[in-house]
C-alpha atoms as a PDB file:
ATOM      1  CA  MET A   1     -12.715  13.036  23.364  1.00  0.00           C
ATOM      2  CA  ASP A   2     -14.366  10.082  24.533  1.00  0.00           C
ATOM      3  CA  ASP A   3     -13.126   7.760  27.242  1.00  0.00           C
ATOM      4  CA  ARG A   4     -10.761   6.192  24.701  1.00  0.00           C
ATOM      5  CA  ARG A   5      -7.523   4.865  25.987  1.00  0.00           C
ATOM      6  CA  PHE A   6      -4.575   4.360  23.335  1.00  0.00           C
ATOM      7  CA  ARG A   7      -2.738   1.143  23.503  1.00  0.00           C
ATOM      8  CA  VAL A   8       1.113   1.508  23.620  1.00  0.00           C
ATOM      9  CA  ILE A   9       3.675  -1.052  23.296  1.00  0.00           C
ATOM     10  CA  ILE A  10       7.395  -0.593  24.225  1.00  0.00           C
ATOM     11  CA  ALA A  11      10.239  -2.298  22.786  1.00  0.00           C
ATOM     12  CA  GLU A  12      13.425  -1.517  24.788  1.00  0.00           C
ATOM     13  CA  ASP A  13      16.067  -4.173  25.849  1.00  0.00           C
ATOM     14  CA  GLU A  14      17.149  -2.465  29.045  1.00  0.00           C
ATOM     15  CA  LYS A  15      14.223  -3.447  31.572  1.00  0.00           C
ATOM     16  CA  LEU A  16      14.650  -0.432  34.005  1.00  0.00           C
ATOM     17  CA  ILE A  17      14.577   1.952  31.025  1.00  0.00           C
ATOM     18  CA  ALA A  18      11.516   0.363  29.648  1.00  0.00           C
ATOM     19  CA  LYS A  19       9.662   0.400  32.842  1.00  0.00           C
ATOM     20  CA  ASN A  20      10.704   4.040  33.370  1.00  0.00           C
ATOM     21  CA  ILE A  21       9.427   5.065  29.921  1.00  0.00           C
ATOM     22  CA  ALA A  22       6.059   3.248  30.693  1.00  0.00           C
ATOM     23  CA  LYS A  23       5.627   4.883  33.940  1.00  0.00           C
ATOM     24  CA  HIS A  24       6.147   8.395  32.324  1.00  0.00           C
ATOM     25  CA  ILE A  25       3.972   7.936  29.325  1.00  0.00           C
ATOM     26  CA  GLU A  26       0.980   6.922  31.785  1.00  0.00           C
ATOM     27  CA  ALA A  27       1.727   9.779  34.017  1.00  0.00           C
ATOM     28  CA  GLU A  28       2.236  12.320  31.192  1.00  0.00           C
ATOM     29  CA  ASN A  29      -1.181  11.359  29.523  1.00  0.00           C
ATOM     30  CA  PRO A  30      -3.704   9.165  31.052  1.00  0.00           C
ATOM     31  CA  ASN A  31      -5.375   8.513  27.648  1.00  0.00           C
ATOM     32  CA  PHE A  32      -2.254   6.225  26.833  1.00  0.00           C
ATOM     33  CA  LYS A  33      -2.013   2.774  28.395  1.00  0.00           C
ATOM     34  CA  VAL A  34       1.064   0.495  28.191  1.00  0.00           C
ATOM     35  CA  CYS A  35      -0.124  -2.863  27.309  1.00  0.00           C
ATOM     36  CA  GLY A  36       3.258  -4.556  26.633  1.00  0.00           C
ATOM     37  CA  ILE A  37       6.960  -4.330  27.152  1.00  0.00           C
ATOM     38  CA  TYR A  38       9.307  -6.397  24.890  1.00  0.00           C
ATOM     39  CA  SER A  39      13.067  -6.560  25.126  1.00  0.00           C
ATOM     40  CA  ASN A  40      13.592  -7.058  21.276  1.00  0.00           C
ATOM     41  CA  GLY A  41      11.852  -5.910  18.158  1.00  0.00           C
ATOM     42  CA  GLU A  42      10.846  -9.555  17.062  1.00  0.00           C
ATOM     43  CA  ASP A  43       8.891 -10.177  20.223  1.00  0.00           C
ATOM     44  CA  ALA A  44       7.386  -6.650  19.893  1.00  0.00           C
ATOM     45  CA  LEU A  45       6.443  -7.432  16.288  1.00  0.00           C
ATOM     46  CA  ASN A  46       4.751 -10.760  17.283  1.00  0.00           C
ATOM     47  CA  ALA A  47       2.808  -9.064  19.937  1.00  0.00           C
ATOM     48  CA  ILE A  48       1.701  -6.282  17.306  1.00  0.00           C
ATOM     49  CA  LYS A  49       0.648  -8.738  14.831  1.00  0.00           C
ATOM     50  CA  GLN A  50      -1.539 -10.516  17.532  1.00  0.00           C
ATOM     51  CA  GLN A  51      -3.182  -7.356  18.998  1.00  0.00           C
ATOM     52  CA  PRO A  52      -2.006  -3.911  16.992  1.00  0.00           C
ATOM     53  CA  PRO A  53      -1.455  -1.181  19.445  1.00  0.00           C
ATOM     54  CA  ASP A  54      -2.061   2.538  18.585  1.00  0.00           C
ATOM     55  CA  VAL A  55       1.453   3.535  19.248  1.00  0.00           C
ATOM     56  CA  ILE A  56       4.848   1.774  19.698  1.00  0.00           C
ATOM     57  CA  PHE A  57       7.720   3.334  21.354  1.00  0.00           C
ATOM     58  CA  THR A  58      10.977   1.505  20.362  1.00  0.00           C
ATOM     59  CA  ASP A  59      14.793   1.617  21.063  1.00  0.00           C
ATOM     60  CA  ILE A  60      16.989   1.397  18.094  1.00  0.00           C
ATOM     61  CA  SER A  61      19.719  -1.032  19.409  1.00  0.00           C
ATOM     62  CA  MET A  62      18.056  -4.285  20.426  1.00  0.00           C
ATOM     63  CA  PRO A  63      19.114  -7.838  20.123  1.00  0.00           C
ATOM     64  CA  VAL A  64      17.311 -10.017  17.535  1.00  0.00           C
ATOM     65  CA  MET A  65      15.669  -7.119  15.485  1.00  0.00           C
ATOM     66  CA  SER A  66      16.481  -3.524  15.838  1.00  0.00           C
ATOM     67  CA  GLY A  67      14.029  -0.647  16.357  1.00  0.00           C
ATOM     68  CA  LEU A  68      14.604   0.651  12.953  1.00  0.00           C
ATOM     69  CA  GLU A  69      13.707  -2.837  11.408  1.00  0.00           C
ATOM     70  CA  LEU A  70      10.781  -2.932  13.482  1.00  0.00           C
ATOM     71  CA  ALA A  71       9.729   0.438  12.394  1.00  0.00           C
ATOM     72  CA  GLY A  72      10.180  -0.672   8.794  1.00  0.00           C
ATOM     73  CA  GLU A  73       8.184  -3.724   9.106  1.00  0.00           C
ATOM     74  CA  ILE A  74       5.236  -1.809  10.733  1.00  0.00           C
ATOM     75  CA  HIS A  75       5.443   0.875   8.075  1.00  0.00           C
ATOM     76  CA  ARG A  76       5.220  -1.798   5.348  1.00  0.00           C
ATOM     77  CA  THR A  77       2.476  -4.086   6.960  1.00  0.00           C
ATOM     78  CA  MET A  78       0.654  -1.978   9.509  1.00  0.00           C
ATOM     79  CA  ASN A  79       0.942   1.680   8.658  1.00  0.00           C
ATOM     80  CA  ASN A  80      -1.963   2.643  11.005  1.00  0.00           C
ATOM     81  CA  VAL A  81       0.415   1.915  14.054  1.00  0.00           C
ATOM     82  CA  LYS A  82       2.306   5.180  14.957  1.00  0.00           C
ATOM     83  CA  CYS A  83       6.009   4.637  15.901  1.00  0.00           C
ATOM     84  CA  VAL A  84       8.208   6.778  18.166  1.00  0.00           C
ATOM     85  CA  ILE A  85      11.940   6.178  18.342  1.00  0.00           C
ATOM     86  CA  ILE A  86      13.549   6.685  21.921  1.00  0.00           C
ATOM     87  CA  THR A  87      17.298   6.204  21.730  1.00  0.00           C
ATOM     88  CA  GLY A  88      20.696   7.237  23.082  1.00  0.00           C
ATOM     89  CA  TYR A  89      21.873   7.678  19.417  1.00  0.00           C
ATOM     90  CA  ALA A  90      21.874  11.347  18.220  1.00  0.00           C
ATOM     91  CA  ASP A  91      23.273  10.061  14.670  1.00  0.00           C
ATOM     92  CA  PHE A  92      21.644  11.714  11.602  1.00  0.00           C
ATOM     93  CA  GLN A  93      21.811   8.445   9.598  1.00  0.00           C
ATOM     94  CA  TYR A  94      19.506   6.737  12.274  1.00  0.00           C
ATOM     95  CA  ALA A  95      17.108   9.843  12.087  1.00  0.00           C
ATOM     96  CA  LYS A  96      16.954   9.867   8.249  1.00  0.00           C
ATOM     97  CA  GLU A  97      16.203   6.189   8.188  1.00  0.00           C
ATOM     98  CA  ALA A  98      13.559   6.629  10.709  1.00  0.00           C
ATOM     99  CA  MET A  99      11.875   9.284   8.516  1.00  0.00           C
ATOM    100  CA  ARG A 100      11.622   6.839   5.614  1.00  0.00           C
ATOM    101  CA  TYR A 101       9.311   4.711   7.837  1.00  0.00           C
ATOM    102  CA  ASP A 102       7.155   7.408   8.747  1.00  0.00           C
ATOM    103  CA  VAL A 103       8.318   7.403  12.346  1.00  0.00           C
ATOM    104  CA  LYS A 104       6.224  10.176  14.217  1.00  0.00           C
ATOM    105  CA  ASP A 105       9.169  11.212  16.577  1.00  0.00           C
ATOM    106  CA  TYR A 106      12.755  10.625  17.603  1.00  0.00           C
ATOM    107  CA  LEU A 107      13.335  11.242  21.205  1.00  0.00           C
ATOM    108  CA  LEU A 108      16.807  10.951  22.754  1.00  0.00           C
ATOM    109  CA  LYS A 109      17.477   9.236  26.180  1.00  0.00           C
ATOM    110  CA  PRO A 110      17.300  10.404  28.861  1.00  0.00           C
ATOM    111  CA  VAL A 111      13.795  11.513  27.567  1.00  0.00           C
ATOM    112  CA  ASP A 112      12.748  15.115  28.555  1.00  0.00           C
ATOM    113  CA  PRO A 113       9.280  14.960  30.255  1.00  0.00           C
ATOM    114  CA  GLU A 114       8.213  18.022  28.453  1.00  0.00           C
ATOM    115  CA  GLU A 115       9.145  16.596  24.971  1.00  0.00           C
ATOM    116  CA  LEU A 116       7.452  13.317  25.790  1.00  0.00           C
ATOM    117  CA  HIS A 117       4.326  15.361  26.985  1.00  0.00           C
ATOM    118  CA  LYS A 118       4.353  17.410  23.535  1.00  0.00           C
ATOM    119  CA  VAL A 119       4.752  13.952  21.630  1.00  0.00           C
ATOM    120  CA  LEU A 120       1.822  12.484  23.486  1.00  0.00           C
ATOM    121  CA  LYS A 121      -0.372  15.357  22.844  1.00  0.00           C
ATOM    122  CA  GLU A 122       0.479  15.288  19.195  1.00  0.00           C
ATOM    123  CA  LEU A 123      -0.370  11.529  19.025  1.00  0.00           C
ATOM    124  CA  GLU A 124      -3.545  11.864  21.059  1.00  0.00           C
ATOM    125  CA  LEU A 125      -4.799  14.535  18.462  1.00  0.00           C
ATOM    126  CA  SER A 126      -3.740  12.629  15.464  1.00  0.00           C
ATOM    127  CA  LEU A 127      -5.277   9.214  16.695  1.00  0.00           C
ATOM    128  CA  THR A 128      -8.524  11.015  17.898  1.00  0.00           C
ATOM    129  CA  ARG A 129      -8.788  12.694  14.335  1.00  0.00           C
ATOM    130  CA  ILE A 130      -8.364   9.157  12.877  1.00  0.00           C
ATOM    131  CA  TYR A 131     -10.876   7.566  15.221  1.00  0.00           C
ATOM    132  CA  ASP A 132     -13.495  10.252  14.973  1.00  0.00           C
ATOM    133  CA  GLY A 133     -13.194   9.966  11.070  1.00  0.00           C
ATOM    134  CA  VAL A 134     -13.686   6.401  11.173  1.00  0.00           C
ATOM    135  CA  ARG A 135     -16.733   6.842  13.260  1.00  0.00           C
ATOM    136  CA  SER A 136     -17.872   9.502  10.972  1.00  0.00           C
ATOM    137  CA  ALA A 137     -17.510   7.427   8.019  1.00  0.00           C
ATOM    138  CA  ASN A 138     -19.577   4.729   9.641  1.00  0.00           C
ATOM    139  CA  ASN A 139     -22.234   7.216  10.436  1.00  0.00           C
ATOM    140  CA  GLN A 140     -21.744   6.633  14.103  1.00  0.00           C
ATOM    141  CA  GLU A 141     -22.304   9.523  16.417  1.00  0.00           C
ATOM    142  CA  SER A 142     -21.306   7.531  19.631  1.00  0.00           C
ATOM    143  CA  PRO A 143     -18.823   4.779  20.491  1.00  0.00           C
ATOM    144  CA  LEU A 144     -19.725   1.459  18.946  1.00  0.00           C
ATOM    145  CA  SER A 145     -21.673  -1.075  21.317  1.00  0.00           C
ATOM    146  CA  PRO A 146     -20.155  -4.315  21.980  1.00  0.00           C
ATOM    147  CA  GLU A 147     -22.678  -6.027  19.765  1.00  0.00           C
ATOM    148  CA  GLU A 148     -21.705  -3.689  16.655  1.00  0.00           C
ATOM    149  CA  ILE A 149     -18.180  -4.425  17.253  1.00  0.00           C
ATOM    150  CA  VAL A 150     -18.811  -8.204  17.222  1.00  0.00           C
ATOM    151  CA  GLN A 151     -20.709  -7.769  14.104  1.00  0.00           C
ATOM    152  CA  LEU A 152     -17.991  -5.758  12.349  1.00  0.00           C
ATOM    153  CA  VAL A 153     -15.405  -8.332  13.430  1.00  0.00           C
ATOM    154  CA  LYS A 154     -17.633 -11.017  12.073  1.00  0.00           C
ATOM    155  CA  GLU A 155     -17.874  -9.318   8.711  1.00  0.00           C
ATOM    156  CA  TYR A 156     -14.296  -8.505   8.469  1.00  0.00           C
ATOM    157  CA  VAL A 157     -13.076 -12.123   9.183  1.00  0.00           C
ATOM    158  CA  GLN A 158     -15.642 -13.525   6.653  1.00  0.00           C
ATOM    159  CA  ASN A 159     -14.571 -10.962   3.924  1.00  0.00           C
ATOM    160  CA  HIS A 160     -10.770 -11.341   4.698  1.00  0.00           C
ATOM    161  CA  TYR A 161     -10.213 -14.881   5.855  1.00  0.00           C
ATOM    162  CA  ALA A 162      -8.215 -16.748   3.335  1.00  0.00           C
END
């Protein structure tokens, strides 16, 4: 793997828990970087729309917009963002609904460090395959240069700006 760091957003209304999850994610796998913590699903969704992360870890029960509503919206509009539920609810109905939104995993609080390590490893492998596939599809053997990225963004904006 190259020096890629995968961007993570955390949606959790309990500040202390959110900071603890962020600390554990970065400690378990340094290829993941927490770039934002939001206390409700709506704020997280707005941030995701501005700058999509690779992964979002979300609680289910939050004010304004629940984690399941957030996962559903991500699934409908940005299905390249991986979603992991972290919750205190071991309710099968929640897990069943999460599966409909292609949630990658469902972790119970308090999060077991070994489980988190396993989930991050699986996400890393999955995301690496995706990015390596994109690079191969673009006939790129090395990471894109800043100039190439700017050119791709310009082309994308010209082709998709409505």
